[in-house]
Amino acid sequence: LIFCQARERKKNNKIKILFAVTLKNFFNIQFLGVEMYYEFLDNLKFLNKFAKENNIKIYVNLHPAGAKSRNNLQIIFPELNFTSNNLTNLLKKVDITLSFSSSVIEDSLNSFVPVILLDRWKRYKHCVSEKNFNKRNSAVYYLNDENNLLTCLKTIKKSKKINFSKY
């Protein structure tokens, strides 16, 4: 596999997140490592509220299986920015990637974009990751409690020398 690499971002006070989803068509579903449709919708509900309350811009990179629902999702979740844009361009815009298990995780790390593995159902950990959301300079964090997301985002924003070398 050849992963994209994009790292020419301007620093900004407003946190910008790429939420990379793993929702797939029913016939492509694997029960380990893929969001179920109800998890996907619940994550969108949570992130819509989170974005509004914290003034955070969240791009939702839809899997091709969900792209046809883009307009409807945008109406239901107005605080989120649904997209199917080129991943390289998206990674240039964002500070952090948030995902359950997408291959966008590897693209992000290759592009020096830190990652938060959000596992609200405590059922899958995509790769080696830091569980202490207060520890600075980690490239990948694992969170299973949504109440710690804002703290983790702030930790990443304060980090000056993120260690991508082990990935």
C-alpha atoms as a PDB file:
ATOM      1  CA  LEU A   1       0.000   0.000   0.000  1.00  0.00           C
ATOM      2  CA  ILE A   2       1.105   3.518  -0.731  1.00  0.00           C
ATOM      3  CA  PHE A   3      -0.265   6.042   1.715  1.00  0.00           C
ATOM      4  CA  CYS A   4      -0.731   9.700   0.992  1.00  0.00           C
ATOM      5  CA  GLN A   5       1.548  12.274   2.527  1.00  0.00           C
ATOM      6  CA  ALA A   6       0.496  15.868   3.071  1.00  0.00           C
ATOM      7  CA  ARG A   7       1.981  18.227   5.602  1.00  0.00           C
ATOM      8  CA  GLU A   8       1.879  21.912   4.787  1.00  0.00           C
ATOM      9  CA  ARG A   9      -0.675  23.311   7.203  1.00  0.00           C
ATOM     10  CA  LYS A  10      -0.984  26.748   8.701  1.00  0.00           C
ATOM     11  CA  LYS A  11      -1.359  26.885  12.467  1.00  0.00           C
ATOM     12  CA  ASN A  12      -4.760  28.067  13.622  1.00  0.00           C
ATOM     13  CA  ASN A  13      -6.340  28.513  17.038  1.00  0.00           C
ATOM     14  CA  LYS A  14      -9.534  26.720  16.019  1.00  0.00           C
ATOM     15  CA  ILE A  15      -9.038  22.960  16.182  1.00  0.00           C
ATOM     16  CA  LYS A  16      -9.854  21.150  12.951  1.00  0.00           C
ATOM     17  CA  ILE A  17     -10.549  17.429  13.059  1.00  0.00           C
ATOM     18  CA  LEU A  18     -10.891  14.832  10.345  1.00  0.00           C
ATOM     19  CA  PHE A  19     -13.321  12.110  11.420  1.00  0.00           C
ATOM     20  CA  ALA A  20     -12.533   9.072   9.282  1.00  0.00           C
ATOM     21  CA  VAL A  21     -15.419   6.629   9.390  1.00  0.00           C
ATOM     22  CA  THR A  22     -15.414   2.913   8.728  1.00  0.00           C
ATOM     23  CA  LEU A  23     -19.088   2.416   7.915  1.00  0.00           C
ATOM     24  CA  LYS A  24     -19.389  -0.054   5.052  1.00  0.00           C
ATOM     25  CA  ASN A  25     -22.123  -1.709   3.024  1.00  0.00           C
ATOM     26  CA  PHE A  26     -23.839  -4.573   4.829  1.00  0.00           C
ATOM     27  CA  PHE A  27     -22.172  -7.232   2.671  1.00  0.00           C
ATOM     28  CA  ASN A  28     -18.699  -5.795   3.502  1.00  0.00           C
ATOM     29  CA  ILE A  29     -19.159  -5.719   7.264  1.00  0.00           C
ATOM     30  CA  GLN A  30     -16.624  -7.346   9.540  1.00  0.00           C
ATOM     31  CA  PHE A  31     -17.628  -7.223  13.153  1.00  0.00           C
ATOM     32  CA  LEU A  32     -14.148  -6.430  14.414  1.00  0.00           C
ATOM     33  CA  GLY A  33     -12.690  -3.067  13.471  1.00  0.00           C
ATOM     34  CA  VAL A  34     -15.687  -1.600  11.657  1.00  0.00           C
ATOM     35  CA  GLU A  35     -18.334   0.743  13.009  1.00  0.00           C
ATOM     36  CA  MET A  36     -21.825  -0.653  12.907  1.00  0.00           C
ATOM     37  CA  TYR A  37     -24.435   1.721  11.451  1.00  0.00           C
ATOM     38  CA  TYR A  38     -25.861   2.528  14.896  1.00  0.00           C
ATOM     39  CA  GLU A  39     -22.360   3.301  16.234  1.00  0.00           C
ATOM     40  CA  PHE A  40     -21.705   5.524  13.220  1.00  0.00           C
ATOM     41  CA  LEU A  41     -24.924   7.485  13.789  1.00  0.00           C
ATOM     42  CA  ASP A  42     -24.291   7.761  17.522  1.00  0.00           C
ATOM     43  CA  ASN A  43     -20.762   9.035  16.881  1.00  0.00           C
ATOM     44  CA  LEU A  44     -22.169  11.654  14.489  1.00  0.00           C
ATOM     45  CA  LYS A  45     -24.717  12.724  17.109  1.00  0.00           C
ATOM     46  CA  PHE A  46     -21.965  13.018  19.725  1.00  0.00           C
ATOM     47  CA  LEU A  47     -19.572  14.873  17.398  1.00  0.00           C
ATOM     48  CA  ASN A  48     -22.275  17.269  16.168  1.00  0.00           C
ATOM     49  CA  LYS A  49     -22.958  18.336  19.771  1.00  0.00           C
ATOM     50  CA  PHE A  50     -19.232  18.367  20.596  1.00  0.00           C
ATOM     51  CA  ALA A  51     -18.393  20.595  17.604  1.00  0.00           C
ATOM     52  CA  LYS A  52     -21.088  23.096  18.518  1.00  0.00           C
ATOM     53  CA  GLU A  53     -20.238  23.263  22.230  1.00  0.00           C
ATOM     54  CA  ASN A  54     -16.481  23.603  21.668  1.00  0.00           C
ATOM     55  CA  ASN A  55     -16.302  25.635  18.438  1.00  0.00           C
ATOM     56  CA  ILE A  56     -14.387  22.892  16.665  1.00  0.00           C
ATOM     57  CA  LYS A  57     -14.533  22.249  12.935  1.00  0.00           C
ATOM     58  CA  ILE A  58     -15.051  18.569  12.154  1.00  0.00           C
ATOM     59  CA  TYR A  59     -14.749  17.180   8.647  1.00  0.00           C
ATOM     60  CA  VAL A  60     -16.444  13.806   8.252  1.00  0.00           C
ATOM     61  CA  ASN A  61     -14.717  11.822   5.546  1.00  0.00           C
ATOM     62  CA  LEU A  62     -17.418   9.447   4.374  1.00  0.00           C
ATOM     63  CA  HIS A  63     -16.580   5.952   3.230  1.00  0.00           C
ATOM     64  CA  PRO A  64     -17.820   5.441  -0.361  1.00  0.00           C
ATOM     65  CA  ALA A  65     -20.613   3.267   1.055  1.00  0.00           C
ATOM     66  CA  GLY A  66     -22.056   6.276   2.874  1.00  0.00           C
ATOM     67  CA  ALA A  67     -21.370   8.973   0.277  1.00  0.00           C
ATOM     68  CA  LYS A  68     -24.859   8.771  -1.227  1.00  0.00           C
ATOM     69  CA  SER A  69     -26.297   9.830   2.155  1.00  0.00           C
ATOM     70  CA  ARG A  70     -24.096  12.925   2.377  1.00  0.00           C
ATOM     71  CA  ASN A  71     -26.846  15.521   1.827  1.00  0.00           C
ATOM     72  CA  ASN A  72     -29.217  13.887   4.307  1.00  0.00           C
ATOM     73  CA  LEU A  73     -26.477  13.567   6.915  1.00  0.00           C
ATOM     74  CA  GLN A  74     -25.571  17.233   6.466  1.00  0.00           C
ATOM     75  CA  ILE A  75     -29.175  18.213   7.218  1.00  0.00           C
ATOM     76  CA  ILE A  76     -29.386  15.991  10.309  1.00  0.00           C
ATOM     77  CA  PHE A  77     -25.943  16.984  11.648  1.00  0.00           C
ATOM     78  CA  PRO A  78     -25.478  20.654  10.643  1.00  0.00           C
ATOM     79  CA  GLU A  79     -22.391  21.262  12.819  1.00  0.00           C
ATOM     80  CA  LEU A  80     -20.363  18.671  10.886  1.00  0.00           C
ATOM     81  CA  ASN A  81     -18.795  19.115   7.444  1.00  0.00           C
ATOM     82  CA  PHE A  82     -19.403  16.009   5.330  1.00  0.00           C
ATOM     83  CA  THR A  83     -16.969  15.438   2.532  1.00  0.00           C
ATOM     84  CA  SER A  84     -15.640  12.931   0.069  1.00  0.00           C
ATOM     85  CA  ASN A  85     -12.762  15.189  -0.968  1.00  0.00           C
ATOM     86  CA  ASN A  86      -9.266  14.077  -1.779  1.00  0.00           C
ATOM     87  CA  LEU A  87      -7.603  12.770   1.381  1.00  0.00           C
ATOM     88  CA  THR A  88      -4.321  14.569   0.722  1.00  0.00           C
ATOM     89  CA  ASN A  89      -6.160  17.903   0.630  1.00  0.00           C
ATOM     90  CA  LEU A  90      -8.127  17.073   3.777  1.00  0.00           C
ATOM     91  CA  LEU A  91      -4.994  16.171   5.710  1.00  0.00           C
ATOM     92  CA  LYS A  92      -3.521  19.570   4.840  1.00  0.00           C
ATOM     93  CA  LYS A  93      -6.522  21.265   6.511  1.00  0.00           C
ATOM     94  CA  VAL A  94      -6.729  19.366   9.786  1.00  0.00           C
ATOM     95  CA  ASP A  95      -4.798  19.211  13.040  1.00  0.00           C
ATOM     96  CA  ILE A  96      -5.958  15.797  14.204  1.00  0.00           C
ATOM     97  CA  THR A  97      -7.566  12.663  12.789  1.00  0.00           C
ATOM     98  CA  LEU A  98     -10.256  10.947  14.829  1.00  0.00           C
ATOM     99  CA  SER A  99     -11.221   7.404  13.902  1.00  0.00           C
ATOM    100  CA  PHE A 100     -12.255   3.989  15.116  1.00  0.00           C
ATOM    101  CA  SER A 101     -10.182   1.965  12.655  1.00  0.00           C
ATOM    102  CA  SER A 102      -9.956   3.529   9.186  1.00  0.00           C
ATOM    103  CA  SER A 103      -6.902   3.124   6.949  1.00  0.00           C
ATOM    104  CA  VAL A 104      -6.881   6.938   7.053  1.00  0.00           C
ATOM    105  CA  ILE A 105      -5.058   6.436  10.367  1.00  0.00           C
ATOM    106  CA  GLU A 106      -1.967   5.286   8.473  1.00  0.00           C
ATOM    107  CA  ASP A 107      -2.348   8.102   5.930  1.00  0.00           C
ATOM    108  CA  SER A 108      -2.547  10.612   8.781  1.00  0.00           C
ATOM    109  CA  LEU A 109       0.549   9.295  10.519  1.00  0.00           C
ATOM    110  CA  ASN A 110       2.457   9.285   7.242  1.00  0.00           C
ATOM    111  CA  SER A 111       1.408  12.922   6.845  1.00  0.00           C
ATOM    112  CA  PHE A 112       2.456  13.783  10.422  1.00  0.00           C
ATOM    113  CA  VAL A 113      -1.108  14.298  11.620  1.00  0.00           C
ATOM    114  CA  PRO A 114      -1.702  12.926  15.123  1.00  0.00           C
ATOM    115  CA  VAL A 115      -4.519  10.449  15.632  1.00  0.00           C
ATOM    116  CA  ILE A 116      -7.095   9.763  18.309  1.00  0.00           C
ATOM    117  CA  LEU A 117      -8.608   6.291  18.248  1.00  0.00           C
ATOM    118  CA  LEU A 118     -12.145   6.842  19.524  1.00  0.00           C
ATOM    119  CA  ASP A 119     -13.609   3.575  20.780  1.00  0.00           C
ATOM    120  CA  ARG A 120     -16.712   4.564  22.741  1.00  0.00           C
ATOM    121  CA  TRP A 121     -17.825   0.911  22.926  1.00  0.00           C
ATOM    122  CA  LYS A 122     -14.488  -0.404  24.214  1.00  0.00           C
ATOM    123  CA  ARG A 123     -14.232  -3.156  21.648  1.00  0.00           C
ATOM    124  CA  TYR A 124     -11.285  -2.483  19.328  1.00  0.00           C
ATOM    125  CA  LYS A 125      -7.835  -0.881  19.466  1.00  0.00           C
ATOM    126  CA  HIS A 126      -6.463  -0.382  15.957  1.00  0.00           C
ATOM    127  CA  CYS A 127      -2.773  -0.036  16.881  1.00  0.00           C
ATOM    128  CA  VAL A 128      -0.330   0.688  19.682  1.00  0.00           C
ATOM    129  CA  SER A 129      -1.457   3.931  21.278  1.00  0.00           C
ATOM    130  CA  GLU A 130      -1.147   6.160  24.324  1.00  0.00           C
ATOM    131  CA  LYS A 131      -3.930   5.740  26.883  1.00  0.00           C
ATOM    132  CA  ASN A 132      -2.871   8.710  29.024  1.00  0.00           C
ATOM    133  CA  PHE A 133      -4.657  11.576  27.270  1.00  0.00           C
ATOM    134  CA  ASN A 134      -2.657  14.135  29.295  1.00  0.00           C
ATOM    135  CA  LYS A 135       0.733  12.902  28.048  1.00  0.00           C
ATOM    136  CA  ARG A 136       2.134  15.173  25.358  1.00  0.00           C
ATOM    137  CA  ASN A 137       3.900  14.354  22.087  1.00  0.00           C
ATOM    138  CA  SER A 138       2.309  11.016  21.301  1.00  0.00           C
ATOM    139  CA  ALA A 139       1.292  10.397  17.687  1.00  0.00           C
ATOM    140  CA  VAL A 140      -1.639   8.104  18.558  1.00  0.00           C
ATOM    141  CA  TYR A 141      -3.995   8.255  21.527  1.00  0.00           C
ATOM    142  CA  TYR A 142      -6.665   5.734  22.499  1.00  0.00           C
ATOM    143  CA  LEU A 143      -9.865   7.048  24.105  1.00  0.00           C
ATOM    144  CA  ASN A 144     -12.881   5.063  25.172  1.00  0.00           C
ATOM    145  CA  ASP A 145     -14.481   7.828  27.221  1.00  0.00           C
ATOM    146  CA  GLU A 146     -15.907  10.704  25.201  1.00  0.00           C
ATOM    147  CA  ASN A 147     -15.586  12.986  28.237  1.00  0.00           C
ATOM    148  CA  ASN A 148     -11.800  12.976  27.748  1.00  0.00           C
ATOM    149  CA  LEU A 149     -11.853  14.030  24.089  1.00  0.00           C
ATOM    150  CA  LEU A 150     -11.507  17.772  24.648  1.00  0.00           C
ATOM    151  CA  THR A 151      -8.621  17.278  27.091  1.00  0.00           C
ATOM    152  CA  CYS A 152      -6.865  14.999  24.612  1.00  0.00           C
ATOM    153  CA  LEU A 153      -7.324  17.531  21.802  1.00  0.00           C
ATOM    154  CA  LYS A 154      -5.797  20.240  23.981  1.00  0.00           C
ATOM    155  CA  THR A 155      -2.885  17.947  24.879  1.00  0.00           C
ATOM    156  CA  ILE A 156      -2.156  17.385  21.205  1.00  0.00           C
ATOM    157  CA  LYS A 157      -2.396  21.110  20.414  1.00  0.00           C
ATOM    158  CA  LYS A 158       0.124  21.832  23.222  1.00  0.00           C
ATOM    159  CA  SER A 159       2.532  19.152  21.976  1.00  0.00           C
ATOM    160  CA  LYS A 160       5.644  20.557  20.307  1.00  0.00           C
ATOM    161  CA  LYS A 161       7.597  17.421  19.317  1.00  0.00           C
ATOM    162  CA  ILE A 162       5.147  14.686  18.410  1.00  0.00           C
ATOM    163  CA  ASN A 163       6.941  11.371  18.021  1.00  0.00           C
ATOM    164  CA  PHE A 164       5.852   9.769  14.739  1.00  0.00           C
ATOM    165  CA  SER A 165       9.014   7.652  14.471  1.00  0.00           C
ATOM    166  CA  LYS A 166       7.552   4.392  15.822  1.00  0.00           C
ATOM    167  CA  TYR A 167       4.810   4.478  13.209  1.00  0.00           C
END
